[in-house]
Amino acid sequence: MNVGEELVAAYLQHIKGCDFIQQNLYPPGVQGEIDVVGINLSKPSVYICEVAIHLVTGLQYVKNNQPNNVGKLVDKFSKDIEYGRQYFQHHEQHYMLWSPVVRRSKSEAAYSQERDLEELQAEIQRRYGVEIECVVNEDFQRRIEELREYARKRTEELKNPVLRLLQIEEALKKHLDKRAKGSL
C-alpha cells in the first residue's frame, strides 16, 4: 500500500465525489503507470494524478546524478494527458501533482524545486494547453485537513485506511477531551 496514493484516492472519492478510483493504472501500450485516476460520472470529470511523496529530499527526481524534476514530470504528465485525451475526451479533465514537501530555494540557486514546478506547468501549458494543479506544501496540508473534517463527521467505519486512521484520531481526541473535562 502506498499511503500517499491512498490519501489522494480518498480525497478524490470523498471530497471530489469520484465514483471510480484506480490506483497504479497501466495505460494500454504505454510504459509506466498513472498513480491515481478518479472518475466522477455526474459531472462528468476525470482526475489524473501523479503522487510524489519524497519527505527527506523534497520533490527530487534524479537522472545521471543530476536533478531531473522537470524532465521526469513532463514525461509523466505527457503520458497522462495522452491517456486522458484518448479515453476521456467527453469528460472535464483535471491533472494534479500531489507532493507534500517542495523545497524553496534562493532565487540564485542552480536547482529549485519550486521553480521546477513552474517550469513543468509552463511546458505542459505550451505543449498541450493544459493546466497542472500542484497540490504541494500548505495546499497538501489543507487537503489533509479536508479529509480529517470529513472523517470527523462520520460514524460508520470508513474503508479507506487513511480515512480510517483520521477517523480514529478524531474519535480518540474527542474521547480524551471529554475525559479531561471529567465527563467520562
Protein backbone atom coordinates (compact mmCIF):
# COMPACT_ATOMS: atom_id res chain seq x y z
CA MET A 1 0.00 0.00 0.00
CA ASN A 2 1.24 3.47 -0.91
CA VAL A 3 -0.13 5.83 1.74
CA GLY A 4 0.28 8.90 -0.48
CA GLU A 5 -1.77 7.30 -3.24
CA GLU A 6 -4.37 6.14 -0.68
CA LEU A 7 -4.67 9.72 0.56
CA VAL A 8 -5.22 11.05 -2.98
CA ALA A 9 -7.72 8.26 -3.71
CA ALA A 10 -9.64 9.14 -0.53
CA TYR A 11 -9.69 12.81 -1.48
CA LEU A 12 -10.97 12.10 -4.98
CA GLN A 13 -13.66 9.74 -3.71
CA HIS A 14 -14.94 11.58 -0.68
CA ILE A 15 -14.23 15.24 -1.43
CA LYS A 16 -14.40 15.34 -5.24
CA GLY A 17 -17.21 12.78 -5.45
CA CYS A 18 -15.49 10.32 -7.79
CA ASP A 19 -17.48 7.13 -8.38
CA PHE A 20 -14.50 5.08 -9.55
CA ILE A 21 -10.89 5.22 -8.38
CA GLN A 22 -7.99 3.29 -9.88
CA GLN A 23 -4.52 3.31 -8.38
CA ASN A 24 -1.42 2.27 -10.33
CA LEU A 25 -3.18 2.29 -13.68
CA TYR A 26 -1.11 0.93 -16.56
CA PRO A 27 -2.48 2.50 -19.76
CA PRO A 28 -2.54 0.11 -22.73
CA GLY A 29 0.53 0.31 -24.95
CA VAL A 30 2.32 2.80 -22.69
CA GLN A 31 5.31 2.20 -20.45
CA GLY A 32 4.80 3.31 -16.87
CA GLU A 33 1.83 3.85 -14.63
CA ILE A 34 -0.52 6.62 -13.61
CA ASP A 35 -0.61 6.83 -9.83
CA VAL A 36 -4.31 7.63 -9.27
CA VAL A 37 -7.26 8.15 -11.61
CA GLY A 38 -10.69 9.19 -10.34
CA ILE A 39 -13.85 9.38 -12.43
CA ASN A 40 -16.89 11.42 -11.41
CA LEU A 41 -19.80 10.27 -13.56
CA SER A 42 -22.25 13.02 -12.62
CA LYS A 43 -20.06 15.93 -13.79
CA PRO A 44 -18.61 14.07 -15.92
CA SER A 45 -14.98 14.63 -14.99
CA VAL A 46 -11.75 12.72 -14.58
CA TYR A 47 -8.85 13.42 -12.20
CA ILE A 48 -5.48 12.09 -13.34
CA CYS A 49 -2.90 12.37 -10.58
CA GLU A 50 0.78 11.81 -10.00
CA VAL A 51 1.87 11.41 -6.39
CA ALA A 52 5.44 12.09 -5.22
CA ILE A 53 5.99 11.54 -1.51
CA HIS A 54 9.66 12.41 -1.00
CA LEU A 55 9.79 13.51 2.62
CA VAL A 56 13.52 13.85 3.25
CA THR A 57 14.71 15.35 -0.03
CA GLY A 58 11.53 17.11 -1.03
CA LEU A 59 10.36 16.68 -4.61
CA GLN A 60 13.50 15.19 -6.12
CA TYR A 61 13.77 13.05 -9.24
CA VAL A 62 17.29 12.37 -10.43
CA LYS A 63 18.83 11.25 -13.74
CA ASN A 64 22.59 10.67 -14.14
CA ASN A 65 23.12 12.02 -10.60
CA GLN A 66 21.52 15.36 -11.55
CA PRO A 67 18.13 16.77 -10.53
CA ASN A 68 15.54 15.89 -13.18
CA ASN A 69 12.18 17.01 -11.81
CA VAL A 70 11.12 18.87 -14.93
CA GLY A 71 12.10 16.12 -17.39
CA LYS A 72 10.57 13.32 -15.33
CA LEU A 73 7.33 15.15 -14.59
CA VAL A 74 6.88 16.41 -18.15
CA ASP A 75 7.24 12.79 -19.33
CA LYS A 76 4.72 11.57 -16.73
CA PHE A 77 2.14 14.24 -17.48
CA SER A 78 2.58 13.92 -21.25
CA LYS A 79 1.62 10.26 -20.89
CA ASP A 80 -1.24 11.19 -18.55
CA ILE A 81 -2.63 13.81 -20.93
CA GLU A 82 -2.44 11.49 -23.92
CA TYR A 83 -4.31 8.85 -21.90
CA GLY A 84 -6.93 11.37 -20.78
CA ARG A 85 -7.46 12.65 -24.29
CA GLN A 86 -7.77 9.16 -25.72
CA TYR A 87 -10.19 7.70 -23.18
CA PHE A 88 -11.94 10.69 -21.60
CA GLN A 89 -12.50 13.18 -24.42
CA HIS A 90 -16.08 13.82 -23.19
CA HIS A 91 -15.02 14.44 -19.58
CA GLU A 92 -13.71 17.57 -17.94
CA GLN A 93 -10.06 16.66 -17.35
CA HIS A 94 -8.06 17.61 -14.26
CA TYR A 95 -4.34 16.87 -13.95
CA MET A 96 -2.80 17.03 -10.50
CA LEU A 97 0.61 16.62 -8.90
CA TRP A 98 0.49 15.81 -5.18
CA SER A 99 3.71 16.28 -3.20
CA PRO A 100 3.81 17.27 0.48
CA VAL A 101 7.37 18.63 0.55
CA VAL A 102 8.53 21.01 -2.17
CA ARG A 103 11.52 22.99 -1.00
CA ARG A 104 12.02 26.70 -1.52
CA SER A 105 15.46 27.76 -2.72
CA LYS A 106 17.12 31.13 -3.03
CA SER A 107 16.41 32.76 -6.38
CA GLU A 108 20.03 32.40 -7.49
CA ALA A 109 20.21 28.68 -6.62
CA ALA A 110 21.07 26.39 -9.53
CA TYR A 111 18.27 23.98 -8.61
CA SER A 112 14.90 24.93 -7.21
CA GLN A 113 12.02 22.53 -6.64
CA GLU A 114 9.51 25.39 -6.71
CA ARG A 115 10.98 26.71 -9.96
CA ASP A 116 10.86 23.16 -11.35
CA LEU A 117 7.09 23.12 -10.79
CA GLU A 118 6.72 26.47 -12.54
CA GLU A 119 8.74 25.10 -15.48
CA LEU A 120 6.63 21.92 -15.52
CA GLN A 121 3.42 23.93 -15.61
CA ALA A 122 4.73 26.25 -18.34
CA GLU A 123 5.97 23.36 -20.50
CA ILE A 124 2.73 21.36 -20.21
CA GLN A 125 0.74 24.53 -20.95
CA ARG A 126 2.93 25.20 -24.02
CA ARG A 127 2.72 21.61 -25.35
CA TYR A 128 -0.88 20.73 -24.53
CA GLY A 129 -2.71 23.85 -23.37
CA VAL A 130 -3.37 22.05 -20.07
CA GLU A 131 -3.03 23.30 -16.50
CA ILE A 132 -1.31 21.10 -13.93
CA GLU A 133 -2.69 21.68 -10.43
CA CYS A 134 0.14 21.33 -7.93
CA VAL A 135 -1.08 20.21 -4.52
CA VAL A 136 2.05 20.91 -2.50
CA ASN A 137 3.15 22.16 0.90
CA GLU A 138 0.34 24.17 2.57
CA ASP A 139 -2.19 23.15 -0.07
CA PHE A 140 -1.36 19.48 0.58
CA GLN A 141 -1.90 20.13 4.30
CA ARG A 142 -5.27 21.81 3.58
CA ARG A 143 -6.40 18.74 1.65
CA ILE A 144 -5.48 16.51 4.60
CA GLU A 145 -7.50 18.82 6.84
CA GLU A 146 -10.50 18.49 4.48
CA LEU A 147 -10.21 14.72 4.80
CA ARG A 148 -9.84 14.99 8.57
CA GLU A 149 -13.03 17.07 8.74
CA TYR A 150 -14.84 14.54 6.57
CA ALA A 151 -13.66 11.68 8.82
CA ARG A 152 -14.60 13.60 11.99
CA LYS A 153 -18.25 13.79 10.85
CA ARG A 154 -18.62 10.07 10.06
CA THR A 155 -19.59 7.35 12.50
CA GLU A 156 -19.59 4.40 10.07
CA GLU A 157 -16.33 2.53 9.57
CA LEU A 158 -14.52 4.17 6.69
CA LYS A 159 -12.91 1.60 4.40
CA ASN A 160 -10.03 3.69 3.10
CA PRO A 161 -7.12 3.12 5.54
CA VAL A 162 -6.06 6.79 5.52
CA LEU A 163 -9.58 7.95 6.31
CA ARG A 164 -9.96 5.27 8.96
CA LEU A 165 -6.77 6.48 10.66
CA LEU A 166 -8.04 10.08 10.60
CA GLN A 167 -11.39 8.87 11.94
CA ILE A 168 -9.68 7.00 14.80
CA GLU A 169 -7.54 10.04 15.63
CA GLU A 170 -10.58 12.31 15.73
CA ALA A 171 -12.62 9.89 17.86
CA LEU A 172 -9.70 9.47 20.28
CA LYS A 173 -9.22 13.22 20.51
CA LYS A 174 -12.94 13.71 21.27
CA HIS A 175 -12.83 10.92 23.87
CA LEU A 176 -9.74 12.29 25.61
CA ASP A 177 -11.16 15.83 25.62
CA LYS A 178 -14.33 14.54 27.35
CA ARG A 179 -12.23 12.57 29.80
CA ALA A 180 -10.08 15.58 30.65
CA LYS A 181 -13.24 17.58 31.37
CA GLY A 182 -14.42 14.82 33.71
CA SER A 183 -17.48 13.87 31.69
CA LEU A 184 -16.40 10.22 31.33
